[in-house]
Amino acid sequence: MLPGLRHAVSDVRRGGWAKVYRRLWDGTMGPDWPTWSVWVLMLAHADADGIVDMTQEALAARGGIPLDEVRKAVARLEAPDLRS
């Protein structure tokens, strides 16, 4: 599970979409569309505990996102983000 995904899923369940997206936008993701696309795809496939049980190849195939962009996005999402 990616750092923060469980917390984000919890926020979303409580109606906190705006809070989650503002936190991410203020962070290093900013206008980085591939990372945003992968993030939203992962949210859509997360289970009740915030776990995404998919390979990067499966994410690329389901999202129609090039695999190299998925890999870069996952690396960005896994990295500490002191701005968010």
C-alpha atoms as a PDB file:
ATOM      1  CA  MET A   1       0.000   0.000   0.000  1.00  0.00           C
ATOM      2  CA  LEU A   2       1.288   3.451  -0.835  1.00  0.00           C
ATOM      3  CA  PRO A   3       1.945   5.857   2.027  1.00  0.00           C
ATOM      4  CA  GLY A   4      -1.124   7.942   2.638  1.00  0.00           C
ATOM      5  CA  LEU A   5      -3.483   5.820   0.530  1.00  0.00           C
ATOM      6  CA  ARG A   6      -5.287   4.354   3.536  1.00  0.00           C
ATOM      7  CA  HIS A   7      -5.737   7.854   5.012  1.00  0.00           C
ATOM      8  CA  ALA A   8      -6.937   9.224   1.670  1.00  0.00           C
ATOM      9  CA  VAL A   9      -9.466   6.403   1.239  1.00  0.00           C
ATOM     10  CA  SER A  10     -10.732   7.121   4.745  1.00  0.00           C
ATOM     11  CA  ASP A  11     -11.055  10.856   3.948  1.00  0.00           C
ATOM     12  CA  VAL A  12     -12.934  10.076   0.743  1.00  0.00           C
ATOM     13  CA  ARG A  13     -15.388   7.826   2.602  1.00  0.00           C
ATOM     14  CA  ARG A  14     -16.142  10.702   4.964  1.00  0.00           C
ATOM     15  CA  GLY A  15     -16.916  12.983   2.032  1.00  0.00           C
ATOM     16  CA  GLY A  16     -13.482  14.565   2.005  1.00  0.00           C
ATOM     17  CA  TRP A  17     -12.764  14.564  -1.746  1.00  0.00           C
ATOM     18  CA  ALA A  18     -11.903  18.260  -1.734  1.00  0.00           C
ATOM     19  CA  LYS A  19      -9.569  17.795   1.241  1.00  0.00           C
ATOM     20  CA  VAL A  20      -7.742  14.898  -0.438  1.00  0.00           C
ATOM     21  CA  TYR A  21      -7.340  16.622  -3.785  1.00  0.00           C
ATOM     22  CA  ARG A  22      -6.276  19.951  -2.279  1.00  0.00           C
ATOM     23  CA  ARG A  23      -3.622  18.167  -0.220  1.00  0.00           C
ATOM     24  CA  LEU A  24      -2.316  16.434  -3.337  1.00  0.00           C
ATOM     25  CA  TRP A  25      -2.464  19.538  -5.535  1.00  0.00           C
ATOM     26  CA  ASP A  26      -0.491  21.511  -2.948  1.00  0.00           C
ATOM     27  CA  GLY A  27       2.142  18.777  -2.928  1.00  0.00           C
ATOM     28  CA  THR A  28       4.677  17.905  -5.553  1.00  0.00           C
ATOM     29  CA  MET A  29       2.083  16.217  -7.800  1.00  0.00           C
ATOM     30  CA  GLY A  30       0.654  19.601  -8.743  1.00  0.00           C
ATOM     31  CA  PRO A  31      -0.300  19.577 -12.428  1.00  0.00           C
ATOM     32  CA  ASP A  32       1.536  16.283 -13.160  1.00  0.00           C
ATOM     33  CA  TRP A  33      -1.234  14.555 -15.170  1.00  0.00           C
ATOM     34  CA  PRO A  34       0.288  11.037 -15.334  1.00  0.00           C
ATOM     35  CA  THR A  35       0.626  10.878 -11.557  1.00  0.00           C
ATOM     36  CA  TRP A  36      -2.897  12.244 -11.095  1.00  0.00           C
ATOM     37  CA  SER A  37      -4.253   9.660 -13.539  1.00  0.00           C
ATOM     38  CA  VAL A  38      -2.526   6.800 -11.746  1.00  0.00           C
ATOM     39  CA  TRP A  39      -3.650   8.128  -8.345  1.00  0.00           C
ATOM     40  CA  VAL A  40      -7.299   8.265  -9.424  1.00  0.00           C
ATOM     41  CA  LEU A  41      -7.004   4.814 -11.004  1.00  0.00           C
ATOM     42  CA  MET A  42      -5.569   3.444  -7.764  1.00  0.00           C
ATOM     43  CA  LEU A  43      -8.356   5.039  -5.715  1.00  0.00           C
ATOM     44  CA  ALA A  44     -10.895   3.396  -8.005  1.00  0.00           C
ATOM     45  CA  HIS A  45      -9.294  -0.024  -7.476  1.00  0.00           C
ATOM     46  CA  ALA A  46      -8.496   0.243  -3.749  1.00  0.00           C
ATOM     47  CA  ASP A  47     -10.295  -2.115  -1.402  1.00  0.00           C
ATOM     48  CA  ALA A  48     -11.969  -1.041   1.838  1.00  0.00           C
ATOM     49  CA  ASP A  49      -8.573  -0.932   3.570  1.00  0.00           C
ATOM     50  CA  GLY A  50      -6.940   1.227   0.894  1.00  0.00           C
ATOM     51  CA  ILE A  51      -4.959  -1.645  -0.607  1.00  0.00           C
ATOM     52  CA  VAL A  52      -4.469  -1.787  -4.368  1.00  0.00           C
ATOM     53  CA  ASP A  53      -3.655  -5.395  -5.241  1.00  0.00           C
ATOM     54  CA  MET A  54      -2.562  -4.847  -8.844  1.00  0.00           C
ATOM     55  CA  THR A  55       0.704  -4.849 -10.710  1.00  0.00           C
ATOM     56  CA  GLN A  56       1.925  -1.741 -12.473  1.00  0.00           C
ATOM     57  CA  GLU A  57       1.323  -3.564 -15.761  1.00  0.00           C
ATOM     58  CA  ALA A  58      -2.319  -4.165 -14.792  1.00  0.00           C
ATOM     59  CA  LEU A  59      -2.745  -0.502 -13.828  1.00  0.00           C
ATOM     60  CA  ALA A  60      -1.323   0.555 -17.198  1.00  0.00           C
ATOM     61  CA  ALA A  61      -3.645  -1.782 -19.078  1.00  0.00           C
ATOM     62  CA  ARG A  62      -6.780  -0.804 -17.144  1.00  0.00           C
ATOM     63  CA  GLY A  63      -6.053   2.904 -17.295  1.00  0.00           C
ATOM     64  CA  GLY A  64      -4.743   3.081 -20.845  1.00  0.00           C
ATOM     65  CA  ILE A  65      -1.631   4.769 -19.467  1.00  0.00           C
ATOM     66  CA  PRO A  66       1.821   3.901 -20.868  1.00  0.00           C
ATOM     67  CA  LEU A  67       3.678   1.558 -18.506  1.00  0.00           C
ATOM     68  CA  ASP A  68       6.692   3.868 -18.213  1.00  0.00           C
ATOM     69  CA  GLU A  69       4.365   6.680 -17.053  1.00  0.00           C
ATOM     70  CA  VAL A  70       2.752   4.349 -14.496  1.00  0.00           C
ATOM     71  CA  ARG A  71       6.182   3.406 -13.147  1.00  0.00           C
ATOM     72  CA  LYS A  72       7.228   7.065 -12.825  1.00  0.00           C
ATOM     73  CA  ALA A  73       3.911   7.973 -11.184  1.00  0.00           C
ATOM     74  CA  VAL A  74       4.134   5.136  -8.648  1.00  0.00           C
ATOM     75  CA  ALA A  75       7.680   6.221  -7.794  1.00  0.00           C
ATOM     76  CA  ARG A  76       6.442   9.796  -7.240  1.00  0.00           C
ATOM     77  CA  LEU A  77       3.547   8.576  -5.099  1.00  0.00           C
ATOM     78  CA  GLU A  78       5.827   6.376  -2.984  1.00  0.00           C
ATOM     79  CA  ALA A  79       8.357   9.139  -2.387  1.00  0.00           C
ATOM     80  CA  PRO A  80       7.993  11.360   0.692  1.00  0.00           C
ATOM     81  CA  ASP A  81       6.175  14.593  -0.106  1.00  0.00           C
ATOM     82  CA  LEU A  82       6.973  17.253   2.448  1.00  0.00           C
ATOM     83  CA  ARG A  83       4.690  19.761   0.708  1.00  0.00           C
ATOM     84  CA  SER A  84       1.446  17.821   1.112  1.00  0.00           C
END
